Amino acid sequence: MSQNTIFRWQADALTPTDDDATSTPIEVADSWLVSEGRTLAIGLHRERFLLGIESRGFPHLLQAAEAFWDAALATIPRDGDWFPRVELRSGAGNPELVLRLRTAPARTDSVVVATFAGEDPRSEPTIKGPDLEVLAAARASVAPAGEAVLLTADAFVVEGAYSGLLWWRGKILCGPLSEFERIDSVTVRSVLALAAALGIETFDEAVTPSELDGVELWSLSALHGPRIVTRWIDGPGLAELPGRLKMWRARLGALRQPL
């Protein structure tokens, strides 16, 4: 299997293709990490992908998308590390379902962030897919930082370009207000569910970057899991409780299940 193999859903089957379909816009996408055949909360990824298809105006494709999803999971190798992406693309009124079977890139447990300085680049802030390219550009614009933090018009913290954000105020796990439009991060949901199971208090709040001075800030994604933000360029000073991130990464790892 090559490092990046593209499959199209045709005649109720996945067919390898050399055409990468990049000329057609992405309506919905989802991706997740598979390591030695195990992954975290795959049911939530499925739910988000199917809800996105319906929200983008393609409810007639849901039955095909469910069969496509099952075939995509069956195609992923059970050895090695993979970061597959499923897509619904549309072009000239001809939507198609695509699987990109990609080997997983290098992962890290820390990241440097910076505030994205432009206007909110998102056109569909609650659906993963349509804004992938503009969000990649937003992240690139804050280099050498590895992630861009997006703010509301009132300068409140919403999410990262490719990640959700959570922070610790002592023993309380905090995140942005639920009414702030953002991607429904599966990794964030998993961490919050684990916190609830452990009896850890959680709290939503509207904060500007400066109001995060002195907190422990996490950037969370399906690829990396939770990462400690070690520095916010031209932003607040951040802290870290030694051992906490490692413990939570181990807890999430223990929740990974076979595909």
Protein backbone atom coordinates (compact mmCIF):
# COMPACT_ATOMS: atom_id res chain seq x y z
CA MET A 1 0.00 0.00 0.00
CA SER A 2 1.42 3.39 -0.96
CA GLN A 3 1.71 6.23 1.53
CA ASN A 4 -1.29 8.06 0.04
CA THR A 5 -3.90 6.04 -1.81
CA ILE A 6 -7.13 7.56 -3.10
CA PHE A 7 -10.35 5.58 -3.43
CA ARG A 8 -13.63 6.65 -5.00
CA TRP A 9 -17.00 5.20 -4.10
CA GLN A 10 -18.33 3.79 -7.37
CA ALA A 11 -21.00 1.14 -7.94
CA ASP A 12 -21.20 0.50 -4.19
CA ALA A 13 -17.48 -0.25 -3.90
CA LEU A 14 -14.23 1.61 -3.24
CA THR A 15 -12.11 1.88 -6.37
CA PRO A 16 -8.45 3.07 -6.33
CA THR A 17 -7.81 6.02 -8.59
CA ASP A 18 -4.89 8.20 -9.68
CA ASP A 19 -7.14 11.27 -9.96
CA ASP A 20 -6.96 13.16 -6.67
CA ALA A 21 -10.19 15.15 -7.26
CA THR A 22 -8.64 18.37 -5.91
CA SER A 23 -10.42 20.41 -8.55
CA THR A 24 -13.78 19.83 -6.85
CA PRO A 25 -14.66 21.52 -3.56
CA ILE A 26 -14.86 19.60 -0.28
CA GLU A 27 -18.34 19.70 1.22
CA VAL A 28 -17.62 17.53 4.29
CA ALA A 29 -14.51 15.75 5.57
CA ASP A 30 -13.41 13.77 8.59
CA SER A 31 -10.13 12.22 9.66
CA TRP A 32 -8.85 10.20 12.58
CA LEU A 33 -5.71 8.43 13.76
CA VAL A 34 -5.49 4.63 13.49
CA SER A 35 -2.56 3.00 15.26
CA GLU A 36 -2.16 -0.78 14.98
CA GLY A 37 -5.84 -1.08 14.11
CA ARG A 38 -7.11 0.92 17.10
CA THR A 39 -8.68 4.36 17.22
CA LEU A 40 -10.54 6.72 19.55
CA ALA A 41 -14.30 7.34 19.41
CA ILE A 42 -14.80 6.24 15.81
CA GLY A 43 -18.58 6.38 16.33
CA LEU A 44 -18.36 10.12 16.99
CA HIS A 45 -16.38 10.65 13.79
CA ARG A 46 -19.04 8.74 11.85
CA GLU A 47 -21.81 10.77 13.45
CA ARG A 48 -20.09 14.07 12.63
CA PHE A 49 -19.44 13.06 9.02
CA LEU A 50 -23.04 11.98 8.38
CA LEU A 51 -24.48 15.06 10.11
CA GLY A 52 -22.23 17.22 7.96
CA ILE A 53 -23.51 15.57 4.78
CA GLU A 54 -27.09 16.26 5.83
CA SER A 55 -26.33 19.83 6.88
CA ARG A 56 -24.67 20.61 3.55
CA GLY A 57 -27.83 19.65 1.70
CA PHE A 58 -27.13 16.05 0.65
CA PRO A 59 -29.56 13.98 2.77
CA HIS A 60 -30.26 11.77 -0.25
CA LEU A 61 -26.65 10.52 0.01
CA LEU A 62 -26.87 9.32 3.59
CA GLN A 63 -27.56 5.67 2.78
CA ALA A 64 -24.66 5.57 0.32
CA ALA A 65 -22.47 7.42 2.82
CA GLU A 66 -23.17 4.81 5.49
CA ALA A 67 -22.13 1.99 3.16
CA PHE A 68 -19.10 4.04 2.05
CA TRP A 69 -18.09 4.55 5.70
CA ASP A 70 -18.21 0.83 6.43
CA ALA A 71 -16.13 0.08 3.33
CA ALA A 72 -13.62 2.78 4.27
CA LEU A 73 -13.09 1.28 7.73
CA ALA A 74 -12.62 -2.16 6.19
CA THR A 75 -9.96 -0.77 3.82
CA ILE A 76 -7.72 0.69 6.55
CA PRO A 77 -4.80 -1.65 7.40
CA ARG A 78 -4.74 -3.04 10.92
CA ASP A 79 -0.99 -2.60 11.27
CA GLY A 80 1.04 0.60 11.24
CA ASP A 81 -0.07 4.19 11.83
CA TRP A 82 -2.62 5.75 9.48
CA PHE A 83 -4.47 9.05 9.24
CA PRO A 84 -7.31 8.39 6.75
CA ARG A 85 -9.64 11.13 5.55
CA VAL A 86 -13.14 10.62 4.17
CA GLU A 87 -14.60 13.34 1.98
CA LEU A 88 -17.79 14.34 0.25
CA ARG A 89 -16.81 16.41 -2.77
CA SER A 90 -19.08 18.13 -5.26
CA GLY A 91 -18.50 19.43 -8.75
CA ALA A 92 -20.85 20.26 -11.62
CA GLY A 93 -23.72 18.83 -9.62
CA ASN A 94 -22.01 15.45 -9.28
CA PRO A 95 -21.18 14.73 -5.62
CA GLU A 96 -18.78 11.91 -4.86
CA LEU A 97 -17.43 10.13 -1.80
CA VAL A 98 -13.66 9.79 -1.51
CA LEU A 99 -11.32 7.98 0.89
CA ARG A 100 -7.75 9.20 1.25
CA LEU A 101 -5.73 6.47 2.92
CA ARG A 102 -2.70 8.31 4.27
CA THR A 103 0.15 7.18 6.47
CA ALA A 104 0.14 9.18 9.69
CA PRO A 105 2.53 12.13 9.83
CA ALA A 106 4.80 12.68 12.81
CA ARG A 107 2.98 13.49 16.03
CA THR A 108 4.04 15.70 18.93
CA ASP A 109 2.83 16.32 22.47
CA SER A 110 3.51 20.08 22.46
CA VAL A 111 2.88 23.05 20.19
CA VAL A 112 3.51 26.79 19.94
CA VAL A 113 0.52 28.96 18.99
CA ALA A 114 -0.13 32.51 17.82
CA THR A 115 -3.29 34.56 17.37
CA PHE A 116 -4.58 34.72 13.80
CA ALA A 117 -4.59 38.42 12.92
CA GLY A 118 -7.08 38.53 10.05
CA GLU A 119 -10.84 38.31 9.87
CA ASP A 120 -12.40 34.95 10.70
CA PRO A 121 -11.62 32.89 7.56
CA ARG A 122 -14.34 30.27 8.18
CA SER A 123 -17.39 30.12 5.94
CA GLU A 124 -18.87 27.03 7.63
CA PRO A 125 -17.48 27.12 11.19
CA THR A 126 -19.44 24.10 12.43
CA ILE A 127 -18.72 21.71 9.54
CA LYS A 128 -15.34 20.10 8.94
CA GLY A 129 -14.38 20.24 5.27
CA PRO A 130 -15.33 23.41 3.40
CA ASP A 131 -12.73 25.56 5.16
CA LEU A 132 -9.76 23.19 5.27
CA GLU A 133 -7.74 25.18 2.73
CA VAL A 134 -8.33 28.62 4.27
CA LEU A 135 -7.59 27.25 7.73
CA ALA A 136 -4.34 25.76 6.46
CA ALA A 137 -3.47 29.21 5.13
CA ALA A 138 -4.36 30.76 8.49
CA ARG A 139 -2.05 28.36 10.27
CA ALA A 140 0.75 29.01 7.79
CA SER A 141 0.36 32.76 8.33
CA VAL A 142 1.41 32.50 11.98
CA ALA A 143 4.66 30.60 11.35
CA PRO A 144 6.92 29.78 13.14
CA ALA A 145 3.98 28.93 15.43
CA GLY A 146 2.48 25.52 14.72
CA GLU A 147 -1.14 26.51 15.25
CA ALA A 148 -3.29 29.62 14.79
CA VAL A 149 -5.83 30.61 17.45
CA LEU A 150 -9.09 31.98 16.04
CA LEU A 151 -11.01 34.69 17.88
CA THR A 152 -14.59 35.99 17.71
CA ALA A 153 -15.31 39.53 16.52
CA ASP A 154 -15.16 40.50 20.22
CA ALA A 155 -11.69 38.91 20.55
CA PHE A 156 -12.80 35.87 22.54
CA VAL A 157 -10.94 32.59 22.06
CA VAL A 158 -12.87 30.08 19.89
CA GLU A 159 -10.60 27.29 18.60
CA GLY A 160 -7.41 26.56 16.74
CA ALA A 161 -7.32 26.40 12.95
CA TYR A 162 -6.96 22.61 13.16
CA SER A 163 -7.63 21.95 16.83
CA GLY A 164 -9.94 22.47 19.77
CA LEU A 165 -8.77 24.30 22.87
CA LEU A 166 -9.16 23.54 26.58
CA TRP A 167 -7.43 25.05 29.59
CA TRP A 168 -6.99 24.34 33.27
CA ARG A 169 -7.76 26.81 36.06
CA GLY A 170 -6.37 24.86 38.97
CA LYS A 171 -8.35 21.62 39.00
CA ILE A 172 -11.17 22.98 36.80
CA LEU A 173 -11.10 22.08 33.09
CA CYS A 174 -12.36 25.00 30.99
CA GLY A 175 -13.27 25.66 27.38
CA PRO A 176 -14.89 28.28 25.14
CA LEU A 177 -18.59 29.09 25.46
CA SER A 178 -20.77 26.51 23.73
CA GLU A 179 -22.49 29.22 21.67
CA PHE A 180 -19.22 30.09 19.92
CA GLU A 181 -19.45 28.40 16.52
CA ARG A 182 -16.70 25.85 15.99
CA ILE A 183 -16.04 22.29 14.88
CA ASP A 184 -17.44 19.69 17.26
CA SER A 185 -14.03 18.25 18.14
CA VAL A 186 -14.15 14.52 18.84
CA THR A 187 -11.00 14.74 20.94
CA VAL A 188 -12.41 17.59 23.02
CA ARG A 189 -15.65 15.64 23.51
CA SER A 190 -13.68 12.60 24.59
CA VAL A 191 -11.64 14.56 27.13
CA LEU A 192 -14.73 16.26 28.56
CA ALA A 193 -16.57 12.92 28.81
CA LEU A 194 -13.59 11.44 30.62
CA ALA A 195 -13.50 14.43 32.97
CA ALA A 196 -17.19 13.93 33.76
CA ALA A 197 -16.60 10.23 34.47
CA LEU A 198 -13.77 11.15 36.83
CA GLY A 199 -15.84 13.77 38.66
CA ILE A 200 -13.68 16.66 37.46
CA GLU A 201 -15.43 20.03 37.33
CA THR A 202 -15.70 21.65 33.89
CA PHE A 203 -16.61 25.21 32.96
CA ASP A 204 -17.30 27.19 29.78
CA GLU A 205 -16.16 30.78 29.60
CA ALA A 206 -15.64 33.67 27.20
CA VAL A 207 -12.02 34.74 27.47
CA THR A 208 -9.65 36.94 25.55
CA PRO A 209 -6.08 35.69 25.08
CA SER A 210 -4.78 37.93 27.86
CA GLU A 211 -7.25 36.35 30.29
CA LEU A 212 -5.51 33.01 29.79
CA ASP A 213 -2.32 34.28 31.38
CA GLY A 214 -0.98 31.67 33.81
CA VAL A 215 -3.24 28.78 32.75
CA GLU A 216 -2.27 25.39 31.34
CA LEU A 217 -3.54 25.42 27.75
CA TRP A 218 -4.14 22.34 25.60
CA SER A 219 -4.54 22.11 21.82
CA LEU A 220 -6.50 18.97 20.89
CA SER A 221 -6.86 17.14 17.58
CA ALA A 222 -7.52 13.65 16.27
CA LEU A 223 -3.97 13.35 14.95
CA HIS A 224 -2.01 14.55 17.97
CA GLY A 225 -4.48 14.07 20.81
CA PRO A 226 -4.09 16.69 23.56
CA ARG A 227 -0.91 18.75 23.29
CA ILE A 228 0.51 21.22 25.79
CA VAL A 229 0.83 24.75 24.43
CA THR A 230 4.32 25.70 25.53
CA ARG A 231 4.24 29.25 24.18
CA TRP A 232 1.76 31.76 22.78
CA ILE A 233 3.74 34.14 20.57
CA ASP A 234 2.94 37.74 21.53
CA GLY A 235 0.28 36.34 23.82
CA PRO A 236 -0.26 35.28 27.43
CA GLY A 237 2.30 33.46 29.51
CA LEU A 238 1.30 29.85 30.05
CA ALA A 239 1.90 27.26 32.76
CA GLU A 240 2.09 23.47 33.03
CA LEU A 241 1.43 21.09 35.89
CA PRO A 242 4.12 18.42 35.47
CA GLY A 243 2.73 15.01 34.62
CA ARG A 244 -0.87 16.04 33.98
CA LEU A 245 -0.75 15.94 30.19
CA LYS A 246 1.07 12.61 30.18
CA MET A 247 -1.56 11.12 32.48
CA TRP A 248 -4.45 12.31 30.29
CA ARG A 249 -2.81 11.13 27.10
CA ALA A 250 -2.47 7.69 28.70
CA ARG A 251 -6.11 7.75 29.76
CA LEU A 252 -7.25 8.57 26.23
CA GLY A 253 -4.94 5.93 24.81
CA ALA A 254 -6.59 3.32 27.01
CA LEU A 255 -9.96 4.23 25.43
CA ARG A 256 -8.84 3.38 21.90
CA GLN A 257 -10.79 0.46 20.44
CA PRO A 258 -10.28 -1.84 17.43
CA LEU A 259 -11.86 -0.58 14.24
